[in-house]
mmCIF file of all heavy atoms, coordinates in Angstrom:
data_MODEL
# 
_entry.id   MODEL 
# 
loop_
_atom_site.group_PDB 
_atom_site.id 
_atom_site.type_symbol 
_atom_site.label_atom_id 
_atom_site.label_alt_id 
_atom_site.label_comp_id 
_atom_site.label_asym_id 
_atom_site.label_entity_id 
_atom_site.label_seq_id 
_atom_site.pdbx_PDB_ins_code 
_atom_site.Cartn_x 
_atom_site.Cartn_y 
_atom_site.Cartn_z 
_atom_site.occupancy 
_atom_site.B_iso_or_equiv 
_atom_site.pdbx_formal_charge 
_atom_site.auth_seq_id 
_atom_site.auth_comp_id 
_atom_site.auth_asym_id 
_atom_site.auth_atom_id 
_atom_site.pdbx_PDB_model_num 
ATOM 1   N N   . VAL A 1 1  ? 57.053 -159.067 -52.040 1.00 0.00 ? 1  VAL A N   1 
ATOM 2   C CA  . VAL A 1 1  ? 56.334 -158.504 -50.942 1.00 0.00 ? 1  VAL A CA  1 
ATOM 3   C C   . VAL A 1 1  ? 56.672 -159.148 -49.600 1.00 0.00 ? 1  VAL A C   1 
ATOM 4   O O   . VAL A 1 1  ? 56.982 -158.446 -48.687 1.00 0.00 ? 1  VAL A O   1 
ATOM 5   C CB  . VAL A 1 1  ? 54.790 -158.609 -51.185 1.00 0.00 ? 1  VAL A CB  1 
ATOM 6   C CG1 . VAL A 1 1  ? 54.026 -158.312 -49.887 1.00 0.00 ? 1  VAL A CG1 1 
ATOM 7   C CG2 . VAL A 1 1  ? 54.313 -157.760 -52.353 1.00 0.00 ? 1  VAL A CG2 1 
ATOM 8   N N   . LEU A 1 2  ? 56.721 -160.437 -49.605 1.00 0.00 ? 2  LEU A N   1 
ATOM 9   C CA  . LEU A 1 2  ? 57.072 -161.141 -48.310 1.00 0.00 ? 2  LEU A CA  1 
ATOM 10  C C   . LEU A 1 2  ? 58.480 -160.904 -47.881 1.00 0.00 ? 2  LEU A C   1 
ATOM 11  O O   . LEU A 1 2  ? 58.778 -160.751 -46.719 1.00 0.00 ? 2  LEU A O   1 
ATOM 12  C CB  . LEU A 1 2  ? 56.768 -162.593 -48.475 1.00 0.00 ? 2  LEU A CB  1 
ATOM 13  C CG  . LEU A 1 2  ? 55.349 -162.967 -48.709 1.00 0.00 ? 2  LEU A CG  1 
ATOM 14  C CD1 . LEU A 1 2  ? 55.131 -164.405 -49.133 1.00 0.00 ? 2  LEU A CD1 1 
ATOM 15  C CD2 . LEU A 1 2  ? 54.406 -162.638 -47.488 1.00 0.00 ? 2  LEU A CD2 1 
ATOM 16  N N   . SER A 1 3  ? 59.396 -160.855 -48.818 1.00 0.00 ? 3  SER A N   1 
ATOM 17  C CA  . SER A 1 3  ? 60.814 -160.680 -48.443 1.00 0.00 ? 3  SER A CA  1 
ATOM 18  C C   . SER A 1 3  ? 61.078 -159.208 -47.931 1.00 0.00 ? 3  SER A C   1 
ATOM 19  O O   . SER A 1 3  ? 61.887 -158.957 -47.073 1.00 0.00 ? 3  SER A O   1 
ATOM 20  C CB  . SER A 1 3  ? 61.751 -160.913 -49.643 1.00 0.00 ? 3  SER A CB  1 
ATOM 21  O OG  . SER A 1 3  ? 61.441 -159.996 -50.746 1.00 0.00 ? 3  SER A OG  1 
ATOM 22  N N   . GLN A 1 4  ? 60.211 -158.285 -48.437 1.00 0.00 ? 4  GLN A N   1 
ATOM 23  C CA  . GLN A 1 4  ? 60.367 -156.892 -47.961 1.00 0.00 ? 4  GLN A CA  1 
ATOM 24  C C   . GLN A 1 4  ? 59.765 -156.908 -46.456 1.00 0.00 ? 4  GLN A C   1 
ATOM 25  O O   . GLN A 1 4  ? 60.406 -156.233 -45.590 1.00 0.00 ? 4  GLN A O   1 
ATOM 26  C CB  . GLN A 1 4  ? 59.547 -155.967 -48.797 1.00 0.00 ? 4  GLN A CB  1 
ATOM 27  C CG  . GLN A 1 4  ? 59.515 -154.569 -48.302 1.00 0.00 ? 4  GLN A CG  1 
ATOM 28  C CD  . GLN A 1 4  ? 60.933 -153.899 -48.311 1.00 0.00 ? 4  GLN A CD  1 
ATOM 29  O OE1 . GLN A 1 4  ? 61.468 -153.452 -49.292 1.00 0.00 ? 4  GLN A OE1 1 
ATOM 30  N NE2 . GLN A 1 4  ? 61.582 -153.925 -47.147 1.00 0.00 ? 4  GLN A NE2 1 
ATOM 31  N N   . ALA A 1 5  ? 58.755 -157.571 -46.213 1.00 0.00 ? 5  ALA A N   1 
ATOM 32  C CA  . ALA A 1 5  ? 58.198 -157.610 -44.878 1.00 0.00 ? 5  ALA A CA  1 
ATOM 33  C C   . ALA A 1 5  ? 59.194 -158.210 -43.883 1.00 0.00 ? 5  ALA A C   1 
ATOM 34  O O   . ALA A 1 5  ? 59.300 -157.706 -42.745 1.00 0.00 ? 5  ALA A O   1 
ATOM 35  C CB  . ALA A 1 5  ? 56.902 -158.408 -44.838 1.00 0.00 ? 5  ALA A CB  1 
ATOM 36  N N   . VAL A 1 6  ? 59.803 -159.280 -44.285 1.00 0.00 ? 6  VAL A N   1 
ATOM 37  C CA  . VAL A 1 6  ? 60.875 -159.949 -43.442 1.00 0.00 ? 6  VAL A CA  1 
ATOM 38  C C   . VAL A 1 6  ? 61.952 -158.980 -43.234 1.00 0.00 ? 6  VAL A C   1 
ATOM 39  O O   . VAL A 1 6  ? 62.549 -158.876 -42.138 1.00 0.00 ? 6  VAL A O   1 
ATOM 40  C CB  . VAL A 1 6  ? 61.323 -161.256 -44.128 1.00 0.00 ? 6  VAL A CB  1 
ATOM 41  C CG1 . VAL A 1 6  ? 62.564 -161.764 -43.473 1.00 0.00 ? 6  VAL A CG1 1 
ATOM 42  C CG2 . VAL A 1 6  ? 60.212 -162.291 -43.998 1.00 0.00 ? 6  VAL A CG2 1 
ATOM 43  N N   . GLU A 1 7  ? 62.387 -158.249 -44.301 1.00 0.00 ? 7  GLU A N   1 
ATOM 44  C CA  . GLU A 1 7  ? 63.532 -157.316 -44.164 1.00 0.00 ? 7  GLU A CA  1 
ATOM 45  C C   . GLU A 1 7  ? 63.212 -156.236 -43.130 1.00 0.00 ? 7  GLU A C   1 
ATOM 46  O O   . GLU A 1 7  ? 64.076 -155.766 -42.323 1.00 0.00 ? 7  GLU A O   1 
ATOM 47  C CB  . GLU A 1 7  ? 63.770 -156.625 -45.557 1.00 0.00 ? 7  GLU A CB  1 
ATOM 48  C CG  . GLU A 1 7  ? 64.952 -155.824 -45.659 1.00 0.00 ? 7  GLU A CG  1 
ATOM 49  C CD  . GLU A 1 7  ? 66.278 -156.666 -45.502 1.00 0.00 ? 7  GLU A CD  1 
ATOM 50  O OE1 . GLU A 1 7  ? 66.271 -157.795 -46.004 1.00 0.00 ? 7  GLU A OE1 1 
ATOM 51  O OE2 . GLU A 1 7  ? 67.241 -156.161 -45.061 1.00 0.00 ? 7  GLU A OE2 1 
ATOM 52  N N   . TRP A 1 8  ? 61.956 -155.869 -43.054 1.00 0.00 ? 8  TRP A N   1 
ATOM 53  C CA  . TRP A 1 8  ? 61.545 -154.842 -42.081 1.00 0.00 ? 8  TRP A CA  1 
ATOM 54  C C   . TRP A 1 8  ? 61.426 -155.407 -40.650 1.00 0.00 ? 8  TRP A C   1 
ATOM 55  O O   . TRP A 1 8  ? 61.350 -154.651 -39.697 1.00 0.00 ? 8  TRP A O   1 
ATOM 56  C CB  . TRP A 1 8  ? 60.085 -154.296 -42.435 1.00 0.00 ? 8  TRP A CB  1 
ATOM 57  C CG  . TRP A 1 8  ? 60.107 -153.356 -43.581 1.00 0.00 ? 8  TRP A CG  1 
ATOM 58  C CD1 . TRP A 1 8  ? 61.160 -152.490 -43.987 1.00 0.00 ? 8  TRP A CD1 1 
ATOM 59  C CD2 . TRP A 1 8  ? 59.051 -153.155 -44.566 1.00 0.00 ? 8  TRP A CD2 1 
ATOM 60  N NE1 . TRP A 1 8  ? 60.823 -151.817 -45.098 1.00 0.00 ? 8  TRP A NE1 1 
ATOM 61  C CE2 . TRP A 1 8  ? 59.522 -152.088 -45.436 1.00 0.00 ? 8  TRP A CE2 1 
ATOM 62  C CE3 . TRP A 1 8  ? 57.738 -153.668 -44.659 1.00 0.00 ? 8  TRP A CE3 1 
ATOM 63  C CZ2 . TRP A 1 8  ? 58.699 -151.657 -46.476 1.00 0.00 ? 8  TRP A CZ2 1 
ATOM 64  C CZ3 . TRP A 1 8  ? 56.983 -153.117 -45.705 1.00 0.00 ? 8  TRP A CZ3 1 
ATOM 65  C CH2 . TRP A 1 8  ? 57.418 -152.274 -46.615 1.00 0.00 ? 8  TRP A CH2 1 
ATOM 66  N N   . GLY A 1 9  ? 61.478 -156.735 -40.510 1.00 0.00 ? 9  GLY A N   1 
ATOM 67  C CA  . GLY A 1 9  ? 61.448 -157.322 -39.218 1.00 0.00 ? 9  GLY A CA  1 
ATOM 68  C C   . GLY A 1 9  ? 60.161 -157.930 -38.770 1.00 0.00 ? 9  GLY A C   1 
ATOM 69  O O   . GLY A 1 9  ? 59.801 -158.137 -37.638 1.00 0.00 ? 9  GLY A O   1 
ATOM 70  N N   . SER A 1 10 ? 59.307 -158.298 -39.810 1.00 0.00 ? 10 SER A N   1 
ATOM 71  C CA  . SER A 1 10 ? 57.985 -158.967 -39.575 1.00 0.00 ? 10 SER A CA  1 
ATOM 72  C C   . SER A 1 10 ? 58.276 -160.208 -38.666 1.00 0.00 ? 10 SER A C   1 
ATOM 73  O O   . SER A 1 10 ? 59.225 -160.945 -38.951 1.00 0.00 ? 10 SER A O   1 
ATOM 74  C CB  . SER A 1 10 ? 57.352 -159.343 -40.867 1.00 0.00 ? 10 SER A CB  1 
ATOM 75  O OG  . SER A 1 10 ? 56.241 -160.134 -40.554 1.00 0.00 ? 10 SER A OG  1 
ATOM 76  N N   . ASP A 1 11 ? 57.371 -160.508 -37.772 1.00 0.00 ? 11 ASP A N   1 
ATOM 77  C CA  . ASP A 1 11 ? 57.461 -161.795 -37.094 1.00 0.00 ? 11 ASP A CA  1 
ATOM 78  C C   . ASP A 1 11 ? 56.142 -162.571 -37.320 1.00 0.00 ? 11 ASP A C   1 
ATOM 79  O O   . ASP A 1 11 ? 55.810 -163.387 -36.414 1.00 0.00 ? 11 ASP A O   1 
ATOM 80  C CB  . ASP A 1 11 ? 57.664 -161.533 -35.593 1.00 0.00 ? 11 ASP A CB  1 
ATOM 81  C CG  . ASP A 1 11 ? 56.517 -160.805 -34.882 1.00 0.00 ? 11 ASP A CG  1 
ATOM 82  O OD1 . ASP A 1 11 ? 55.630 -160.274 -35.623 1.00 0.00 ? 11 ASP A OD1 1 
ATOM 83  O OD2 . ASP A 1 11 ? 56.478 -160.730 -33.643 1.00 0.00 ? 11 ASP A OD2 1 
ATOM 84  N N   . ILE A 1 12 ? 55.583 -162.381 -38.464 1.00 0.00 ? 12 ILE A N   1 
ATOM 85  C CA  . ILE A 1 12 ? 54.360 -163.122 -38.756 1.00 0.00 ? 12 ILE A CA  1 
ATOM 86  C C   . ILE A 1 12 ? 54.794 -164.487 -39.399 1.00 0.00 ? 12 ILE A C   1 
ATOM 87  O O   . ILE A 1 12 ? 55.393 -164.518 -40.461 1.00 0.00 ? 12 ILE A O   1 
ATOM 88  C CB  . ILE A 1 12 ? 53.387 -162.434 -39.754 1.00 0.00 ? 12 ILE A CB  1 
ATOM 89  C CG1 . ILE A 1 12 ? 52.895 -161.140 -39.037 1.00 0.00 ? 12 ILE A CG1 1 
ATOM 90  C CG2 . ILE A 1 12 ? 52.327 -163.278 -40.210 1.00 0.00 ? 12 ILE A CG2 1 
ATOM 91  C CD1 . ILE A 1 12 ? 51.954 -160.299 -39.962 1.00 0.00 ? 12 ILE A CD1 1 
ATOM 92  N N   . LYS A 1 13 ? 54.472 -165.518 -38.697 1.00 0.00 ? 13 LYS A N   1 
ATOM 93  C CA  . LYS A 1 13 ? 54.986 -166.916 -39.024 1.00 0.00 ? 13 LYS A CA  1 
ATOM 94  C C   . LYS A 1 13 ? 54.545 -167.236 -40.447 1.00 0.00 ? 13 LYS A C   1 
ATOM 95  O O   . LYS A 1 13 ? 55.426 -167.811 -41.137 1.00 0.00 ? 13 LYS A O   1 
ATOM 96  C CB  . LYS A 1 13 ? 54.417 -167.880 -38.051 1.00 0.00 ? 13 LYS A CB  1 
ATOM 97  C CG  . LYS A 1 13 ? 54.953 -169.297 -38.299 1.00 0.00 ? 13 LYS A CG  1 
ATOM 98  C CD  . LYS A 1 13 ? 54.404 -170.244 -37.218 1.00 0.00 ? 13 LYS A CD  1 
ATOM 99  C CE  . LYS A 1 13 ? 54.905 -171.625 -37.399 1.00 0.00 ? 13 LYS A CE  1 
ATOM 100 N NZ  . LYS A 1 13 ? 54.427 -172.575 -36.352 1.00 0.00 ? 13 LYS A NZ  1 
ATOM 101 N N   . ASN A 1 14 ? 53.392 -166.985 -40.901 1.00 0.00 ? 14 ASN A N   1 
ATOM 102 C CA  . ASN A 1 14 ? 52.943 -167.328 -42.175 1.00 0.00 ? 14 ASN A CA  1 
ATOM 103 C C   . ASN A 1 14 ? 53.758 -166.671 -43.273 1.00 0.00 ? 14 ASN A C   1 
ATOM 104 O O   . ASN A 1 14 ? 53.862 -167.244 -44.392 1.00 0.00 ? 14 ASN A O   1 
ATOM 105 C CB  . ASN A 1 14 ? 51.395 -167.121 -42.360 1.00 0.00 ? 14 ASN A CB  1 
ATOM 106 C CG  . ASN A 1 14 ? 50.632 -168.116 -41.639 1.00 0.00 ? 14 ASN A CG  1 
ATOM 107 O OD1 . ASN A 1 14 ? 51.010 -169.188 -41.388 1.00 0.00 ? 14 ASN A OD1 1 
ATOM 108 N ND2 . ASN A 1 14 ? 49.361 -167.790 -41.376 1.00 0.00 ? 14 ASN A ND2 1 
ATOM 109 N N   . SER A 1 15 ? 54.214 -165.476 -43.022 1.00 0.00 ? 15 SER A N   1 
ATOM 110 C CA  . SER A 1 15 ? 55.050 -164.756 -44.024 1.00 0.00 ? 15 SER A CA  1 
ATOM 111 C C   . SER A 1 15 ? 56.308 -165.573 -44.282 1.00 0.00 ? 15 SER A C   1 
ATOM 112 O O   . SER A 1 15 ? 56.766 -165.710 -45.449 1.00 0.00 ? 15 SER A O   1 
ATOM 113 C CB  . SER A 1 15 ? 55.395 -163.372 -43.617 1.00 0.00 ? 15 SER A CB  1 
ATOM 114 O OG  . SER A 1 15 ? 54.162 -162.554 -43.552 1.00 0.00 ? 15 SER A OG  1 
ATOM 115 N N   . TYR A 1 16 ? 56.947 -166.013 -43.211 1.00 0.00 ? 16 TYR A N   1 
ATOM 116 C CA  . TYR A 1 16 ? 58.175 -166.777 -43.360 1.00 0.00 ? 16 TYR A CA  1 
ATOM 117 C C   . TYR A 1 16 ? 57.911 -168.178 -44.033 1.00 0.00 ? 16 TYR A C   1 
ATOM 118 O O   . TYR A 1 16 ? 58.669 -168.573 -44.883 1.00 0.00 ? 16 TYR A O   1 
ATOM 119 C CB  . TYR A 1 16 ? 58.815 -167.085 -41.944 1.00 0.00 ? 16 TYR A CB  1 
ATOM 120 C CG  . TYR A 1 16 ? 59.483 -165.774 -41.376 1.00 0.00 ? 16 TYR A CG  1 
ATOM 121 C CD1 . TYR A 1 16 ? 58.754 -164.795 -40.737 1.00 0.00 ? 16 TYR A CD1 1 
ATOM 122 C CD2 . TYR A 1 16 ? 60.829 -165.632 -41.544 1.00 0.00 ? 16 TYR A CD2 1 
ATOM 123 C CE1 . TYR A 1 16 ? 59.339 -163.703 -40.182 1.00 0.00 ? 16 TYR A CE1 1 
ATOM 124 C CE2 . TYR A 1 16 ? 61.482 -164.447 -41.042 1.00 0.00 ? 16 TYR A CE2 1 
ATOM 125 C CZ  . TYR A 1 16 ? 60.689 -163.561 -40.267 1.00 0.00 ? 16 TYR A CZ  1 
ATOM 126 O OH  . TYR A 1 16 ? 61.349 -162.415 -39.879 1.00 0.00 ? 16 TYR A OH  1 
ATOM 127 N N   . LEU A 1 17 ? 56.847 -168.801 -43.669 1.00 0.00 ? 17 LEU A N   1 
ATOM 128 C CA  . LEU A 1 17 ? 56.588 -170.095 -44.127 1.00 0.00 ? 17 LEU A CA  1 
ATOM 129 C C   . LEU A 1 17 ? 56.187 -170.031 -45.674 1.00 0.00 ? 17 LEU A C   1 
ATOM 130 O O   . LEU A 1 17 ? 56.633 -170.881 -46.503 1.00 0.00 ? 17 LEU A O   1 
ATOM 131 C CB  . LEU A 1 17 ? 55.410 -170.717 -43.413 1.00 0.00 ? 17 LEU A CB  1 
ATOM 132 C CG  . LEU A 1 17 ? 55.734 -171.159 -42.033 1.00 0.00 ? 17 LEU A CG  1 
ATOM 133 C CD1 . LEU A 1 17 ? 54.563 -171.893 -41.374 1.00 0.00 ? 17 LEU A CD1 1 
ATOM 134 C CD2 . LEU A 1 17 ? 56.930 -172.067 -42.007 1.00 0.00 ? 17 LEU A CD2 1 
ATOM 135 N N   . LEU A 1 18 ? 55.438 -169.052 -46.107 1.00 0.00 ? 18 LEU A N   1 
ATOM 136 C CA  . LEU A 1 18 ? 55.047 -168.925 -47.450 1.00 0.00 ? 18 LEU A CA  1 
ATOM 137 C C   . LEU A 1 18 ? 56.245 -168.530 -48.284 1.00 0.00 ? 18 LEU A C   1 
ATOM 138 O O   . LEU A 1 18 ? 56.435 -169.131 -49.374 1.00 0.00 ? 18 LEU A O   1 
ATOM 139 C CB  . LEU A 1 18 ? 53.944 -167.850 -47.645 1.00 0.00 ? 18 LEU A CB  1 
ATOM 140 C CG  . LEU A 1 18 ? 53.428 -167.636 -49.185 1.00 0.00 ? 18 LEU A CG  1 
ATOM 141 C CD1 . LEU A 1 18 ? 53.075 -168.948 -49.655 1.00 0.00 ? 18 LEU A CD1 1 
ATOM 142 C CD2 . LEU A 1 18 ? 52.254 -166.665 -49.068 1.00 0.00 ? 18 LEU A CD2 1 
ATOM 143 N N   . LEU A 1 19 ? 57.069 -167.642 -47.843 1.00 0.00 ? 19 LEU A N   1 
ATOM 144 C CA  . LEU A 1 19 ? 58.287 -167.278 -48.503 1.00 0.00 ? 19 LEU A CA  1 
ATOM 145 C C   . LEU A 1 19 ? 59.236 -168.439 -48.627 1.00 0.00 ? 19 LEU A C   1 
ATOM 146 O O   . LEU A 1 19 ? 59.817 -168.715 -49.666 1.00 0.00 ? 19 LEU A O   1 
ATOM 147 C CB  . LEU A 1 19 ? 58.968 -166.057 -47.877 1.00 0.00 ? 19 LEU A CB  1 
ATOM 148 C CG  . LEU A 1 19 ? 60.144 -165.432 -48.567 1.00 0.00 ? 19 LEU A CG  1 
ATOM 149 C CD1 . LEU A 1 19 ? 59.842 -165.032 -49.941 1.00 0.00 ? 19 LEU A CD1 1 
ATOM 150 C CD2 . LEU A 1 19 ? 60.621 -164.225 -47.702 1.00 0.00 ? 19 LEU A CD2 1 
ATOM 151 N N   . GLY A 1 20 ? 59.379 -169.185 -47.538 1.00 0.00 ? 20 GLY A N   1 
ATOM 152 C CA  . GLY A 1 20 ? 60.179 -170.338 -47.585 1.00 0.00 ? 20 GLY A CA  1 
ATOM 153 C C   . GLY A 1 20 ? 59.653 -171.390 -48.523 1.00 0.00 ? 20 GLY A C   1 
ATOM 154 O O   . GLY A 1 20 ? 60.446 -172.046 -49.249 1.00 0.00 ? 20 GLY A O   1 
ATOM 155 N N   . ARG A 1 21 ? 58.328 -171.604 -48.617 1.00 0.00 ? 21 ARG A N   1 
ATOM 156 C CA  . ARG A 1 21 ? 57.764 -172.510 -49.591 1.00 0.00 ? 21 ARG A CA  1 
ATOM 157 C C   . ARG A 1 21 ? 58.051 -172.031 -51.024 1.00 0.00 ? 21 ARG A C   1 
ATOM 158 O O   . ARG A 1 21 ? 58.385 -172.894 -51.859 1.00 0.00 ? 21 ARG A O   1 
ATOM 159 C CB  . ARG A 1 21 ? 56.248 -172.580 -49.396 1.00 0.00 ? 21 ARG A CB  1 
ATOM 160 C CG  . ARG A 1 21 ? 55.517 -173.709 -50.151 1.00 0.00 ? 21 ARG A CG  1 
ATOM 161 C CD  . ARG A 1 21 ? 54.078 -173.751 -49.850 1.00 0.00 ? 21 ARG A CD  1 
ATOM 162 N NE  . ARG A 1 21 ? 53.802 -173.838 -48.377 1.00 0.00 ? 21 ARG A NE  1 
ATOM 163 C CZ  . ARG A 1 21 ? 53.048 -173.061 -47.720 1.00 0.00 ? 21 ARG A CZ  1 
ATOM 164 N NH1 . ARG A 1 21 ? 52.471 -171.980 -48.273 1.00 0.00 ? 21 ARG A NH1 1 
ATOM 165 N NH2 . ARG A 1 21 ? 52.935 -173.167 -46.423 1.00 0.00 ? 21 ARG A NH2 1 
ATOM 166 N N   . ILE A 1 22 ? 57.988 -170.789 -51.234 1.00 0.00 ? 22 ILE A N   1 
ATOM 167 C CA  . ILE A 1 22 ? 58.344 -170.266 -52.631 1.00 0.00 ? 22 ILE A CA  1 
ATOM 168 C C   . ILE A 1 22 ? 59.766 -170.590 -52.937 1.00 0.00 ? 22 ILE A C   1 
ATOM 169 O O   . ILE A 1 22 ? 60.053 -171.059 -54.081 1.00 0.00 ? 22 ILE A O   1 
ATOM 170 C CB  . ILE A 1 22 ? 58.094 -168.695 -52.660 1.00 0.00 ? 22 ILE A CB  1 
ATOM 171 C CG1 . ILE A 1 22 ? 56.529 -168.437 -52.631 1.00 0.00 ? 22 ILE A CG1 1 
ATOM 172 C CG2 . ILE A 1 22 ? 58.664 -168.142 -54.037 1.00 0.00 ? 22 ILE A CG2 1 
ATOM 173 C CD1 . ILE A 1 22 ? 56.174 -167.001 -52.447 1.00 0.00 ? 22 ILE A CD1 1 
ATOM 174 N N   . TYR A 1 23 ? 60.642 -170.300 -51.993 1.00 0.00 ? 23 TYR A N   1 
ATOM 175 C CA  . TYR A 1 23 ? 62.102 -170.620 -52.259 1.00 0.00 ? 23 TYR A CA  1 
ATOM 176 C C   . TYR A 1 23 ? 62.314 -172.120 -52.488 1.00 0.00 ? 23 TYR A C   1 
ATOM 177 O O   . TYR A 1 23 ? 63.093 -172.511 -53.321 1.00 0.00 ? 23 TYR A O   1 
ATOM 178 C CB  . TYR A 1 23 ? 62.924 -170.142 -51.086 1.00 0.00 ? 23 TYR A CB  1 
ATOM 179 C CG  . TYR A 1 23 ? 63.086 -168.579 -50.893 1.00 0.00 ? 23 TYR A CG  1 
ATOM 180 C CD1 . TYR A 1 23 ? 63.198 -168.085 -49.676 1.00 0.00 ? 23 TYR A CD1 1 
ATOM 181 C CD2 . TYR A 1 23 ? 62.985 -167.803 -51.995 1.00 0.00 ? 23 TYR A CD2 1 
ATOM 182 C CE1 . TYR A 1 23 ? 63.336 -166.679 -49.498 1.00 0.00 ? 23 TYR A CE1 1 
ATOM 183 C CE2 . TYR A 1 23 ? 63.104 -166.480 -51.892 1.00 0.00 ? 23 TYR A CE2 1 
ATOM 184 C CZ  . TYR A 1 23 ? 63.210 -165.878 -50.602 1.00 0.00 ? 23 TYR A CZ  1 
ATOM 185 O OH  . TYR A 1 23 ? 63.351 -164.484 -50.483 1.00 0.00 ? 23 TYR A OH  1 
ATOM 186 N N   . LYS A 1 24 ? 61.566 -172.945 -51.711 1.00 0.00 ? 24 LYS A N   1 
ATOM 187 C CA  . LYS A 1 24 ? 61.779 -174.416 -51.815 1.00 0.00 ? 24 LYS A CA  1 
ATOM 188 C C   . LYS A 1 24 ? 61.240 -174.833 -53.270 1.00 0.00 ? 24 LYS A C   1 
ATOM 189 O O   . LYS A 1 24 ? 61.860 -175.761 -53.864 1.00 0.00 ? 24 LYS A O   1 
ATOM 190 C CB  . LYS A 1 24 ? 61.109 -175.117 -50.773 1.00 0.00 ? 24 LYS A CB  1 
ATOM 191 C CG  . LYS A 1 24 ? 61.356 -176.637 -50.780 1.00 0.00 ? 24 LYS A CG  1 
ATOM 192 C CD  . LYS A 1 24 ? 60.944 -177.193 -49.399 1.00 0.00 ? 24 LYS A CD  1 
ATOM 193 C CE  . LYS A 1 24 ? 61.338 -178.745 -49.458 1.00 0.00 ? 24 LYS A CE  1 
ATOM 194 N NZ  . LYS A 1 24 ? 60.958 -179.403 -48.202 1.00 0.00 ? 24 LYS A NZ  1 
ATOM 195 N N   . GLU A 1 25 ? 60.089 -174.232 -53.696 1.00 0.00 ? 25 GLU A N   1 
ATOM 196 C CA  . GLU A 1 25 ? 59.588 -174.692 -54.968 1.00 0.00 ? 25 GLU A CA  1 
ATOM 197 C C   . GLU A 1 25 ? 60.506 -174.256 -56.102 1.00 0.00 ? 25 GLU A C   1 
ATOM 198 O O   . GLU A 1 25 ? 60.680 -174.886 -57.099 1.00 0.00 ? 25 GLU A O   1 
ATOM 199 C CB  . GLU A 1 25 ? 58.188 -173.874 -55.182 1.00 0.00 ? 25 GLU A CB  1 
ATOM 200 C CG  . GLU A 1 25 ? 57.091 -174.493 -54.335 1.00 0.00 ? 25 GLU A CG  1 
ATOM 201 C CD  . GLU A 1 25 ? 55.863 -173.581 -54.335 1.00 0.00 ? 25 GLU A CD  1 
ATOM 202 O OE1 . GLU A 1 25 ? 55.910 -172.452 -54.984 1.00 0.00 ? 25 GLU A OE1 1 
ATOM 203 O OE2 . GLU A 1 25 ? 54.833 -173.999 -53.705 1.00 0.00 ? 25 GLU A OE2 1 
ATOM 204 N N   . LYS A 1 26 ? 61.228 -173.181 -55.877 1.00 0.00 ? 26 LYS A N   1 
ATOM 205 C CA  . LYS A 1 26 ? 62.275 -172.741 -56.847 1.00 0.00 ? 26 LYS A CA  1 
ATOM 206 C C   . LYS A 1 26 ? 63.584 -173.435 -56.710 1.00 0.00 ? 26 LYS A C   1 
ATOM 207 O O   . LYS A 1 26 ? 64.581 -173.150 -57.446 1.00 0.00 ? 26 LYS A O   1 
ATOM 208 C CB  . LYS A 1 26 ? 62.520 -171.181 -56.733 1.00 0.00 ? 26 LYS A CB  1 
ATOM 209 C CG  . LYS A 1 26 ? 61.215 -170.356 -57.149 1.00 0.00 ? 26 LYS A CG  1 
ATOM 210 C CD  . LYS A 1 26 ? 61.342 -168.953 -56.705 1.00 0.00 ? 26 LYS A CD  1 
ATOM 211 C CE  . LYS A 1 26 ? 62.527 -168.254 -57.284 1.00 0.00 ? 26 LYS A CE  1 
ATOM 212 N NZ  . LYS A 1 26 ? 62.689 -166.822 -56.946 1.00 0.00 ? 26 LYS A NZ  1 
# 
């Protein structure tokens, strides 16, 4: 969900941070 939002051009900071946290956890 979050990667799709980013792909569309979202500029919501929490979307980037949560997605980044998921990538870091993995």
